[in-house]
Amino acid sequence: MFRHVVMFKWNNDVDADHIAAVSAGLDNLAATIEQIKGYHHGADIGLNDQNFDYVVVGDFESADDYFVYRDHPVHQEFIAGLIAGRVGRRAAVQYEFTPAGGEG
């Protein structure tokens, strides 16, 4: 299995309504792009001062499936409409893993 993790630190002008729109958009991606095998996302709950504000974790069967997702027009439209210009900092990592139970 292949996992993609991305974290955002929002610009100061990003409000709760925009974050709700991002969440809804991410839910739409998970429902639209068949290569996504698992998709979790959410806002940081504020336990530590230096945390990022939002995280997305996507699971895929392979790196090739991740590339389909990364380049998918619906994903690119989501980035252009809801992410671009609204993020002060971004961090991402991709890695391979074996799911619990040893399958995958």
PDB file of N, CA and C in Angstrom:
ATOM      1  N   MET A   1       0.858  -1.181   0.000  1.00  0.00           N
ATOM      2  CA  MET A   1       0.000   0.000   0.000  1.00  0.00           C
ATOM      3  C   MET A   1       0.896   1.234   0.000  1.00  0.00           C
ATOM      4  N   PHE A   2       0.297   2.333  -0.382  1.00  0.00           N
ATOM      5  CA  PHE A   2       1.015   3.593  -0.526  1.00  0.00           C
ATOM      6  C   PHE A   2       0.209   4.679   0.180  1.00  0.00           C
ATOM      7  N   ARG A   3       0.875   5.480   0.991  1.00  0.00           N
ATOM      8  CA  ARG A   3       0.183   6.531   1.746  1.00  0.00           C
ATOM      9  C   ARG A   3       0.756   7.896   1.395  1.00  0.00           C
ATOM     10  N   HIS A   4      -0.142   8.854   1.237  1.00  0.00           N
ATOM     11  CA  HIS A   4       0.193  10.262   0.987  1.00  0.00           C
ATOM     12  C   HIS A   4      -0.353  11.072   2.159  1.00  0.00           C
ATOM     13  N   VAL A   5       0.518  11.837   2.798  1.00  0.00           N
ATOM     14  CA  VAL A   5       0.116  12.692   3.918  1.00  0.00           C
ATOM     15  C   VAL A   5       0.513  14.123   3.575  1.00  0.00           C
ATOM     16  N   VAL A   6      -0.420  15.045   3.686  1.00  0.00           N
ATOM     17  CA  VAL A   6      -0.126  16.459   3.446  1.00  0.00           C
ATOM     18  C   VAL A   6      -0.726  17.278   4.585  1.00  0.00           C
ATOM     19  N   MET A   7       0.036  18.278   5.041  1.00  0.00           N
ATOM     20  CA  MET A   7      -0.410  19.154   6.126  1.00  0.00           C
ATOM     21  C   MET A   7      -0.344  20.601   5.651  1.00  0.00           C
ATOM     22  N   PHE A   8      -1.320  21.387   6.091  1.00  0.00           N
ATOM     23  CA  PHE A   8      -1.402  22.795   5.723  1.00  0.00           C
ATOM     24  C   PHE A   8      -1.368  23.683   6.956  1.00  0.00           C
ATOM     25  N   LYS A   9      -0.737  24.809   6.827  1.00  0.00           N
ATOM     26  CA  LYS A   9      -0.844  25.915   7.781  1.00  0.00           C
ATOM     27  C   LYS A   9      -1.554  27.013   6.996  1.00  0.00           C
ATOM     28  N   TRP A  10      -2.789  27.312   7.374  1.00  0.00           N
ATOM     29  CA  TRP A  10      -3.603  28.275   6.621  1.00  0.00           C
ATOM     30  C   TRP A  10      -3.058  29.693   6.764  1.00  0.00           C
ATOM     31  N   ASN A  11      -3.306  30.494   5.755  1.00  0.00           N
ATOM     32  CA  ASN A  11      -3.084  31.937   5.871  1.00  0.00           C
ATOM     33  C   ASN A  11      -4.062  32.488   6.896  1.00  0.00           C
ATOM     34  N   ASN A  12      -3.742  33.628   7.467  1.00  0.00           N
ATOM     35  CA  ASN A  12      -4.566  34.222   8.539  1.00  0.00           C
ATOM     36  C   ASN A  12      -5.992  34.548   8.106  1.00  0.00           C
ATOM     37  N   ASP A  13      -6.233  34.766   6.823  1.00  0.00           N
ATOM     38  CA  ASP A  13      -7.572  35.149   6.371  1.00  0.00           C
ATOM     39  C   ASP A  13      -8.493  33.957   6.073  1.00  0.00           C
ATOM     40  N   VAL A  14      -8.012  32.737   6.277  1.00  0.00           N
ATOM     41  CA  VAL A  14      -8.847  31.551   6.042  1.00  0.00           C
ATOM     42  C   VAL A  14      -9.756  31.353   7.256  1.00  0.00           C
ATOM     43  N   ASP A  15     -11.077  31.332   6.996  1.00  0.00           N
ATOM     44  CA  ASP A  15     -12.043  31.242   8.093  1.00  0.00           C
ATOM     45  C   ASP A  15     -12.695  29.856   8.143  1.00  0.00           C
ATOM     46  N   ALA A  16     -13.555  29.687   9.132  1.00  0.00           N
ATOM     47  CA  ALA A  16     -14.210  28.396   9.359  1.00  0.00           C
ATOM     48  C   ALA A  16     -15.063  27.971   8.165  1.00  0.00           C
ATOM     49  N   ASP A  17     -15.702  28.904   7.495  1.00  0.00           N
ATOM     50  CA  ASP A  17     -16.509  28.566   6.322  1.00  0.00           C
ATOM     51  C   ASP A  17     -15.645  27.999   5.204  1.00  0.00           C
ATOM     52  N   HIS A  18     -14.471  28.577   5.018  1.00  0.00           N
ATOM     53  CA  HIS A  18     -13.576  28.073   3.978  1.00  0.00           C
ATOM     54  C   HIS A  18     -13.071  26.667   4.337  1.00  0.00           C
ATOM     55  N   ILE A  19     -12.740  26.470   5.586  1.00  0.00           N
ATOM     56  CA  ILE A  19     -12.272  25.144   6.029  1.00  0.00           C
ATOM     57  C   ILE A  19     -13.377  24.100   5.839  1.00  0.00           C
ATOM     58  N   ALA A  20     -14.623  24.481   6.096  1.00  0.00           N
ATOM     59  CA  ALA A  20     -15.746  23.569   5.860  1.00  0.00           C
ATOM     60  C   ALA A  20     -15.865  23.244   4.367  1.00  0.00           C
ATOM     61  N   ALA A  21     -15.626  24.229   3.500  1.00  0.00           N
ATOM     62  CA  ALA A  21     -15.665  23.989   2.057  1.00  0.00           C
ATOM     63  C   ALA A  21     -14.526  23.057   1.638  1.00  0.00           C
ATOM     64  N   VAL A  22     -13.357  23.214   2.248  1.00  0.00           N
ATOM     65  CA  VAL A  22     -12.236  22.305   1.969  1.00  0.00           C
ATOM     66  C   VAL A  22     -12.617  20.886   2.371  1.00  0.00           C
ATOM     67  N   SER A  23     -13.179  20.720   3.549  1.00  0.00           N
ATOM     68  CA  SER A  23     -13.590  19.393   4.012  1.00  0.00           C
ATOM     69  C   SER A  23     -14.595  18.753   3.068  1.00  0.00           C
ATOM     70  N   ALA A  24     -15.576  19.527   2.637  1.00  0.00           N
ATOM     71  CA  ALA A  24     -16.573  19.002   1.700  1.00  0.00           C
ATOM     72  C   ALA A  24     -15.921  18.645   0.367  1.00  0.00           C
ATOM     73  N   GLY A  25     -14.997  19.470  -0.085  1.00  0.00           N
ATOM     74  CA  GLY A  25     -14.288  19.182  -1.329  1.00  0.00           C
ATOM     75  C   GLY A  25     -13.466  17.916  -1.240  1.00  0.00           C
ATOM     76  N   LEU A  26     -12.812  17.706  -0.097  1.00  0.00           N
ATOM     77  CA  LEU A  26     -12.039  16.478   0.095  1.00  0.00           C
ATOM     78  C   LEU A  26     -12.946  15.262   0.121  1.00  0.00           C
ATOM     79  N   ASP A  27     -14.106  15.372   0.753  1.00  0.00           N
ATOM     80  CA  ASP A  27     -15.065  14.262   0.733  1.00  0.00           C
ATOM     81  C   ASP A  27     -15.478  13.942  -0.702  1.00  0.00           C
ATOM     82  N   ASN A  28     -15.651  14.976  -1.523  1.00  0.00           N
ATOM     83  CA  ASN A  28     -16.006  14.773  -2.927  1.00  0.00           C
ATOM     84  C   ASN A  28     -14.886  14.050  -3.678  1.00  0.00           C
ATOM     85  N   LEU A  29     -13.634  14.412  -3.391  1.00  0.00           N
ATOM     86  CA  LEU A  29     -12.517  13.722  -4.044  1.00  0.00           C
ATOM     87  C   LEU A  29     -12.561  12.226  -3.744  1.00  0.00           C
ATOM     88  N   ALA A  30     -12.770  11.906  -2.477  1.00  0.00           N
ATOM     89  CA  ALA A  30     -12.806  10.491  -2.073  1.00  0.00           C
ATOM     90  C   ALA A  30     -13.936   9.739  -2.766  1.00  0.00           C
ATOM     91  N   ALA A  31     -15.031  10.424  -3.014  1.00  0.00           N
ATOM     92  CA  ALA A  31     -16.173   9.787  -3.671  1.00  0.00           C
ATOM     93  C   ALA A  31     -16.008   9.738  -5.191  1.00  0.00           C
ATOM     94  N   THR A  32     -15.128  10.553  -5.741  1.00  0.00           N
ATOM     95  CA  THR A  32     -15.004  10.694  -7.187  1.00  0.00           C
ATOM     96  C   THR A  32     -13.831   9.918  -7.785  1.00  0.00           C
ATOM     97  N   ILE A  33     -12.711   9.884  -7.091  1.00  0.00           N
ATOM     98  CA  ILE A  33     -11.489   9.302  -7.652  1.00  0.00           C
ATOM     99  C   ILE A  33     -11.347   7.868  -7.150  1.00  0.00           C
ATOM    100  N   GLU A  34     -11.560   6.928  -8.030  1.00  0.00           N
ATOM    101  CA  GLU A  34     -11.639   5.518  -7.629  1.00  0.00           C
ATOM    102  C   GLU A  34     -10.318   4.957  -7.107  1.00  0.00           C
ATOM    103  N   GLN A  35      -9.200   5.566  -7.415  1.00  0.00           N
ATOM    104  CA  GLN A  35      -7.911   5.058  -6.955  1.00  0.00           C
ATOM    105  C   GLN A  35      -7.704   5.277  -5.453  1.00  0.00           C
ATOM    106  N   ILE A  36      -8.491   6.142  -4.851  1.00  0.00           N
ATOM    107  CA  ILE A  36      -8.382   6.385  -3.409  1.00  0.00           C
ATOM    108  C   ILE A  36      -8.977   5.186  -2.678  1.00  0.00           C
ATOM    109  N   LYS A  37      -8.171   4.507  -1.872  1.00  0.00           N
ATOM    110  CA  LYS A  37      -8.640   3.339  -1.121  1.00  0.00           C
ATOM    111  C   LYS A  37      -9.001   3.688   0.318  1.00  0.00           C
ATOM    112  N   GLY A  38      -8.433   4.750   0.838  1.00  0.00           N
ATOM    113  CA  GLY A  38      -8.760   5.248   2.162  1.00  0.00           C
ATOM    114  C   GLY A  38      -8.438   6.732   2.178  1.00  0.00           C
ATOM    115  N   TYR A  39      -9.272   7.530   2.861  1.00  0.00           N
ATOM    116  CA  TYR A  39      -9.071   8.978   2.830  1.00  0.00           C
ATOM    117  C   TYR A  39      -9.580   9.553   4.145  1.00  0.00           C
ATOM    118  N   HIS A  40      -8.693  10.197   4.851  1.00  0.00           N
ATOM    119  CA  HIS A  40      -9.041  10.822   6.127  1.00  0.00           C
ATOM    120  C   HIS A  40      -8.475  12.228   6.137  1.00  0.00           C
ATOM    121  N   HIS A  41      -9.211  13.133   6.751  1.00  0.00           N
ATOM    122  CA  HIS A  41      -8.739  14.513   6.804  1.00  0.00           C
ATOM    123  C   HIS A  41      -9.420  15.220   7.966  1.00  0.00           C
ATOM    124  N   GLY A  42      -8.802  16.304   8.428  1.00  0.00           N
ATOM    125  CA  GLY A  42      -9.427  17.072   9.495  1.00  0.00           C
ATOM    126  C   GLY A  42      -8.544  18.190   9.998  1.00  0.00           C
ATOM    127  N   ALA A  43      -9.181  19.075  10.741  1.00  0.00           N
ATOM    128  CA  ALA A  43      -8.503  20.220  11.341  1.00  0.00           C
ATOM    129  C   ALA A  43      -7.819  19.791  12.637  1.00  0.00           C
ATOM    130  N   ASP A  44      -6.666  20.378  12.881  1.00  0.00           N
ATOM    131  CA  ASP A  44      -5.961  20.144  14.136  1.00  0.00           C
ATOM    132  C   ASP A  44      -6.836  20.611  15.298  1.00  0.00           C
ATOM    133  N   ILE A  45      -6.815  19.898  16.412  1.00  0.00           N
ATOM    134  CA  ILE A  45      -7.667  20.259  17.548  1.00  0.00           C
ATOM    135  C   ILE A  45      -6.977  21.183  18.540  1.00  0.00           C
ATOM    136  N   GLY A  46      -5.749  21.604  18.236  1.00  0.00           N
ATOM    137  CA  GLY A  46      -5.120  22.675  18.997  1.00  0.00           C
ATOM    138  C   GLY A  46      -4.438  22.273  20.285  1.00  0.00           C
ATOM    139  N   LEU A  47      -3.955  21.057  20.393  1.00  0.00           N
ATOM    140  CA  LEU A  47      -3.292  20.638  21.625  1.00  0.00           C
ATOM    141  C   LEU A  47      -1.870  21.175  21.740  1.00  0.00           C
ATOM    142  N   ASN A  48      -1.215  21.424  20.604  1.00  0.00           N
ATOM    143  CA  ASN A  48       0.160  21.914  20.601  1.00  0.00           C
ATOM    144  C   ASN A  48       0.277  23.135  19.699  1.00  0.00           C
ATOM    145  N   ASP A  49       0.973  24.153  20.173  1.00  0.00           N
ATOM    146  CA  ASP A  49       1.048  25.440  19.478  1.00  0.00           C
ATOM    147  C   ASP A  49       1.664  25.372  18.085  1.00  0.00           C
ATOM    148  N   GLN A  50       2.643  24.546  17.854  1.00  0.00           N
ATOM    149  CA  GLN A  50       3.374  24.562  16.593  1.00  0.00           C
ATOM    150  C   GLN A  50       2.808  23.616  15.525  1.00  0.00           C
ATOM    151  N   ASN A  51       1.686  22.976  15.790  1.00  0.00           N
ATOM    152  CA  ASN A  51       1.104  22.049  14.821  1.00  0.00           C
ATOM    153  C   ASN A  51       0.642  22.763  13.557  1.00  0.00           C
ATOM    154  N   PHE A  52       0.540  21.988  12.495  1.00  0.00           N
ATOM    155  CA  PHE A  52      -0.119  22.477  11.296  1.00  0.00           C
ATOM    156  C   PHE A  52      -1.613  22.554  11.574  1.00  0.00           C
ATOM    157  N   ASP A  53      -2.357  23.230  10.687  1.00  0.00           N
ATOM    158  CA  ASP A  53      -3.787  23.466  10.908  1.00  0.00           C
ATOM    159  C   ASP A  53      -4.690  22.360  10.376  1.00  0.00           C
ATOM    160  N   TYR A  54      -4.240  21.644   9.347  1.00  0.00           N
ATOM    161  CA  TYR A  54      -5.119  20.679   8.683  1.00  0.00           C
ATOM    162  C   TYR A  54      -4.271  19.561   8.095  1.00  0.00           C
ATOM    163  N   VAL A  55      -4.812  18.351   8.076  1.00  0.00           N
ATOM    164  CA  VAL A  55      -4.098  17.200   7.519  1.00  0.00           C
ATOM    165  C   VAL A  55      -5.013  16.395   6.602  1.00  0.00           C
ATOM    166  N   VAL A  56      -4.395  15.823   5.564  1.00  0.00           N
ATOM    167  CA  VAL A  56      -5.073  14.895   4.660  1.00  0.00           C
ATOM    168  C   VAL A  56      -4.203  13.647   4.566  1.00  0.00           C
ATOM    169  N   VAL A  57      -4.823  12.479   4.737  1.00  0.00           N
ATOM    170  CA  VAL A  57      -4.118  11.205   4.625  1.00  0.00           C
ATOM    171  C   VAL A  57      -4.871  10.362   3.605  1.00  0.00           C
ATOM    172  N   GLY A  58      -4.181  10.037   2.511  1.00  0.00           N
ATOM    173  CA  GLY A  58      -4.792   9.232   1.459  1.00  0.00           C
ATOM    174  C   GLY A  58      -4.038   7.933   1.265  1.00  0.00           C
ATOM    175  N   ASP A  59      -4.762   6.836   1.150  1.00  0.00           N
ATOM    176  CA  ASP A  59      -4.168   5.527   0.917  1.00  0.00           C
ATOM    177  C   ASP A  59      -4.519   5.053  -0.495  1.00  0.00           C
ATOM    178  N   PHE A  60      -3.519   4.422  -1.123  1.00  0.00           N
ATOM    179  CA  PHE A  60      -3.626   3.962  -2.502  1.00  0.00           C
ATOM    180  C   PHE A  60      -2.989   2.582  -2.612  1.00  0.00           C
ATOM    181  N   GLU A  61      -3.388   1.825  -3.611  1.00  0.00           N
ATOM    182  CA  GLU A  61      -2.800   0.503  -3.828  1.00  0.00           C
ATOM    183  C   GLU A  61      -1.330   0.602  -4.240  1.00  0.00           C
ATOM    184  N   SER A  62      -0.977   1.683  -4.941  1.00  0.00           N
ATOM    185  CA  SER A  62       0.377   1.800  -5.484  1.00  0.00           C
ATOM    186  C   SER A  62       0.736   3.259  -5.712  1.00  0.00           C
ATOM    187  N   ALA A  63       2.006   3.509  -5.968  1.00  0.00           N
ATOM    188  CA  ALA A  63       2.448   4.853  -6.332  1.00  0.00           C
ATOM    189  C   ALA A  63       1.771   5.292  -7.632  1.00  0.00           C
ATOM    190  N   ASP A  64       1.576   4.366  -8.564  1.00  0.00           N
ATOM    191  CA  ASP A  64       0.893   4.712  -9.814  1.00  0.00           C
ATOM    192  C   ASP A  64      -0.520   5.224  -9.555  1.00  0.00           C
ATOM    193  N   ASP A  65      -1.246   4.598  -8.621  1.00  0.00           N
ATOM    194  CA  ASP A  65      -2.588   5.073  -8.272  1.00  0.00           C
ATOM    195  C   ASP A  65      -2.524   6.456  -7.633  1.00  0.00           C
ATOM    196  N   TYR A  66      -1.511   6.693  -6.812  1.00  0.00           N
ATOM    197  CA  TYR A  66      -1.312   8.029  -6.235  1.00  0.00           C
ATOM    198  C   TYR A  66      -1.117   9.051  -7.342  1.00  0.00           C
ATOM    199  N   PHE A  67      -0.317   8.732  -8.363  1.00  0.00           N
ATOM    200  CA  PHE A  67      -0.074   9.678  -9.456  1.00  0.00           C
ATOM    201  C   PHE A  67      -1.363   9.986 -10.217  1.00  0.00           C
ATOM    202  N   VAL A  68      -2.215   8.982 -10.389  1.00  0.00           N
ATOM    203  CA  VAL A  68      -3.519   9.229 -11.025  1.00  0.00           C
ATOM    204  C   VAL A  68      -4.295  10.250 -10.192  1.00  0.00           C
ATOM    205  N   TYR A  69      -4.348  10.038  -8.880  1.00  0.00           N
ATOM    206  CA  TYR A  69      -5.015  10.976  -7.964  1.00  0.00           C
ATOM    207  C   TYR A  69      -4.373  12.354  -8.037  1.00  0.00           C
ATOM    208  N   ARG A  70      -3.055  12.412  -7.914  1.00  0.00           N
ATOM    209  CA  ARG A  70      -2.342  13.695  -7.899  1.00  0.00           C
ATOM    210  C   ARG A  70      -2.656  14.525  -9.133  1.00  0.00           C
ATOM    211  N   ASP A  71      -2.707  13.867 -10.291  1.00  0.00           N
ATOM    212  CA  ASP A  71      -2.885  14.575 -11.548  1.00  0.00           C
ATOM    213  C   ASP A  71      -4.340  14.627 -12.025  1.00  0.00           C
ATOM    214  N   HIS A  72      -5.240  14.012 -11.286  1.00  0.00           N
ATOM    215  CA  HIS A  72      -6.656  13.939 -11.689  1.00  0.00           C
ATOM    216  C   HIS A  72      -7.228  15.351 -11.821  1.00  0.00           C
ATOM    217  N   PRO A  73      -7.989  15.617 -12.878  1.00  0.00           N
ATOM    218  CA  PRO A  73      -8.526  16.968 -13.077  1.00  0.00           C
ATOM    219  C   PRO A  73      -9.410  17.462 -11.925  1.00  0.00           C
ATOM    220  N   VAL A  74     -10.162  16.584 -11.288  1.00  0.00           N
ATOM    221  CA  VAL A  74     -11.001  17.006 -10.158  1.00  0.00           C
ATOM    222  C   VAL A  74     -10.115  17.416  -8.977  1.00  0.00           C
ATOM    223  N   HIS A  75      -9.023  16.704  -8.746  1.00  0.00           N
ATOM    224  CA  HIS A  75      -8.080  17.067  -7.684  1.00  0.00           C
ATOM    225  C   HIS A  75      -7.395  18.389  -8.015  1.00  0.00           C
ATOM    226  N   GLN A  76      -6.970  18.550  -9.252  1.00  0.00           N
ATOM    227  CA  GLN A  76      -6.314  19.793  -9.653  1.00  0.00           C
ATOM    228  C   GLN A  76      -7.271  20.990  -9.549  1.00  0.00           C
ATOM    229  N   GLU A  77      -8.525  20.791  -9.889  1.00  0.00           N
ATOM    230  CA  GLU A  77      -9.541  21.844  -9.754  1.00  0.00           C
ATOM    231  C   GLU A  77      -9.751  22.196  -8.275  1.00  0.00           C
ATOM    232  N   PHE A  78      -9.788  21.188  -7.419  1.00  0.00           N
ATOM    233  CA  PHE A  78      -9.921  21.401  -5.980  1.00  0.00           C
ATOM    234  C   PHE A  78      -8.760  22.253  -5.467  1.00  0.00           C
ATOM    235  N   ILE A  79      -7.538  21.909  -5.842  1.00  0.00           N
ATOM    236  CA  ILE A  79      -6.363  22.671  -5.397  1.00  0.00           C
ATOM    237  C   ILE A  79      -6.454  24.110  -5.871  1.00  0.00           C
ATOM    238  N   ALA A  80      -6.755  24.306  -7.141  1.00  0.00           N
ATOM    239  CA  ALA A  80      -6.832  25.659  -7.700  1.00  0.00           C
ATOM    240  C   ALA A  80      -7.917  26.499  -7.033  1.00  0.00           C
ATOM    241  N   GLY A  81      -9.052  25.872  -6.730  1.00  0.00           N
ATOM    242  CA  GLY A  81     -10.187  26.621  -6.186  1.00  0.00           C
ATOM    243  C   GLY A  81     -10.169  26.829  -4.690  1.00  0.00           C
ATOM    244  N   LEU A  82      -9.583  25.895  -3.924  1.00  0.00           N
ATOM    245  CA  LEU A  82      -9.713  25.968  -2.468  1.00  0.00           C
ATOM    246  C   LEU A  82      -8.393  25.992  -1.696  1.00  0.00           C
ATOM    247  N   ILE A  83      -7.298  25.613  -2.332  1.00  0.00           N
ATOM    248  CA  ILE A  83      -6.027  25.524  -1.618  1.00  0.00           C
ATOM    249  C   ILE A  83      -5.041  26.619  -2.054  1.00  0.00           C
ATOM    250  N   ALA A  84      -4.862  26.758  -3.349  1.00  0.00           N
ATOM    251  CA  ALA A  84      -3.875  27.706  -3.876  1.00  0.00           C
ATOM    252  C   ALA A  84      -4.118  29.116  -3.343  1.00  0.00           C
ATOM    253  N   GLY A  85      -3.056  29.734  -2.857  1.00  0.00           N
ATOM    254  CA  GLY A  85      -3.148  31.096  -2.337  1.00  0.00           C
ATOM    255  C   GLY A  85      -3.676  31.206  -0.923  1.00  0.00           C
ATOM    256  N   ARG A  86      -4.043  30.097  -0.316  1.00  0.00           N
ATOM    257  CA  ARG A  86      -4.613  30.116   1.034  1.00  0.00           C
ATOM    258  C   ARG A  86      -3.747  29.395   2.059  1.00  0.00           C
ATOM    259  N   VAL A  87      -2.597  28.895   1.622  1.00  0.00           N
ATOM    260  CA  VAL A  87      -1.728  28.106   2.482  1.00  0.00           C
ATOM    261  C   VAL A  87      -0.405  28.839   2.685  1.00  0.00           C
ATOM    262  N   GLY A  88      -0.072  29.076   3.956  1.00  0.00           N
ATOM    263  CA  GLY A  88       1.199  29.712   4.275  1.00  0.00           C
ATOM    264  C   GLY A  88       2.346  28.725   4.287  1.00  0.00           C
ATOM    265  N   ARG A  89       2.063  27.515   4.731  1.00  0.00           N
ATOM    266  CA  ARG A  89       3.064  26.442   4.773  1.00  0.00           C
ATOM    267  C   ARG A  89       2.393  25.136   4.416  1.00  0.00           C
ATOM    268  N   ARG A  90       3.171  24.274   3.770  1.00  0.00           N
ATOM    269  CA  ARG A  90       2.687  22.954   3.373  1.00  0.00           C
ATOM    270  C   ARG A  90       3.817  21.966   3.604  1.00  0.00           C
ATOM    271  N   ALA A  91       3.481  20.797   4.102  1.00  0.00           N
ATOM    272  CA  ALA A  91       4.446  19.704   4.237  1.00  0.00           C
ATOM    273  C   ALA A  91       3.762  18.443   3.745  1.00  0.00           C
ATOM    274  N   ALA A  92       4.531  17.577   3.081  1.00  0.00           N
ATOM    275  CA  ALA A  92       3.955  16.340   2.562  1.00  0.00           C
ATOM    276  C   ALA A  92       4.995  15.234   2.625  1.00  0.00           C
ATOM    277  N   VAL A  93       4.483  14.012   2.705  1.00  0.00           N
ATOM    278  CA  VAL A  93       5.321  12.820   2.653  1.00  0.00           C
ATOM    279  C   VAL A  93       4.498  11.705   2.025  1.00  0.00           C
ATOM    280  N   GLN A  94       5.197  10.849   1.270  1.00  0.00           N
ATOM    281  CA  GLN A  94       4.574   9.655   0.727  1.00  0.00           C
ATOM    282  C   GLN A  94       5.438   8.476   1.165  1.00  0.00           C
ATOM    283  N   TYR A  95       4.785   7.379   1.520  1.00  0.00           N
ATOM    284  CA  TYR A  95       5.540   6.192   1.920  1.00  0.00           C
ATOM    285  C   TYR A  95       4.736   4.935   1.673  1.00  0.00           C
ATOM    286  N   GLU A  96       5.451   3.831   1.572  1.00  0.00           N
ATOM    287  CA  GLU A  96       4.810   2.533   1.418  1.00  0.00           C
ATOM    288  C   GLU A  96       4.631   1.907   2.798  1.00  0.00           C
ATOM    289  N   PHE A  97       3.569   1.110   2.942  1.00  0.00           N
ATOM    290  CA  PHE A  97       3.319   0.460   4.226  1.00  0.00           C
ATOM    291  C   PHE A  97       2.557  -0.848   4.001  1.00  0.00           C
ATOM    292  N   THR A  98       2.590  -1.680   4.998  1.00  0.00           N
ATOM    293  CA  THR A  98       1.803  -2.899   5.024  1.00  0.00           C
ATOM    294  C   THR A  98       0.668  -2.695   5.999  1.00  0.00           C
ATOM    295  N   PRO A  99      -0.568  -2.834   5.546  1.00  0.00           N
ATOM    296  CA  PRO A  99      -1.713  -2.644   6.443  1.00  0.00           C
ATOM    297  C   PRO A  99      -1.671  -3.627   7.615  1.00  0.00           C
ATOM    298  N   ALA A 100      -2.295  -3.260   8.709  1.00  0.00           N
ATOM    299  CA  ALA A 100      -2.431  -4.171   9.858  1.00  0.00           C
ATOM    300  C   ALA A 100      -3.027  -5.481   9.371  1.00  0.00           C
ATOM    301  N   GLY A 101      -2.508  -6.556   9.849  1.00  0.00           N
ATOM    302  CA  GLY A 101      -2.971  -7.875   9.399  1.00  0.00           C
ATOM    303  C   GLY A 101      -2.105  -8.429   8.291  1.00  0.00           C
ATOM    304  N   GLY A 102      -1.152  -7.607   7.795  1.00  0.00           N
ATOM    305  CA  GLY A 102      -0.169  -8.081   6.844  1.00  0.00           C
ATOM    306  C   GLY A 102      -0.603  -8.166   5.393  1.00  0.00           C
ATOM    307  N   GLU A 103      -1.823  -7.731   5.078  1.00  0.00           N
ATOM    308  CA  GLU A 103      -2.267  -7.790   3.687  1.00  0.00           C
ATOM    309  C   GLU A 103      -2.006  -6.459   3.013  1.00  0.00           C
ATOM    310  N   GLY A 104      -1.701  -6.491   1.718  1.00  0.00           N
ATOM    311  CA  GLY A 104      -1.570  -5.280   0.940  1.00  0.00           C
ATOM    312  C   GLY A 104      -0.246  -5.030   0.366  1.00  0.00           C
TER     313      GLY A 104
END
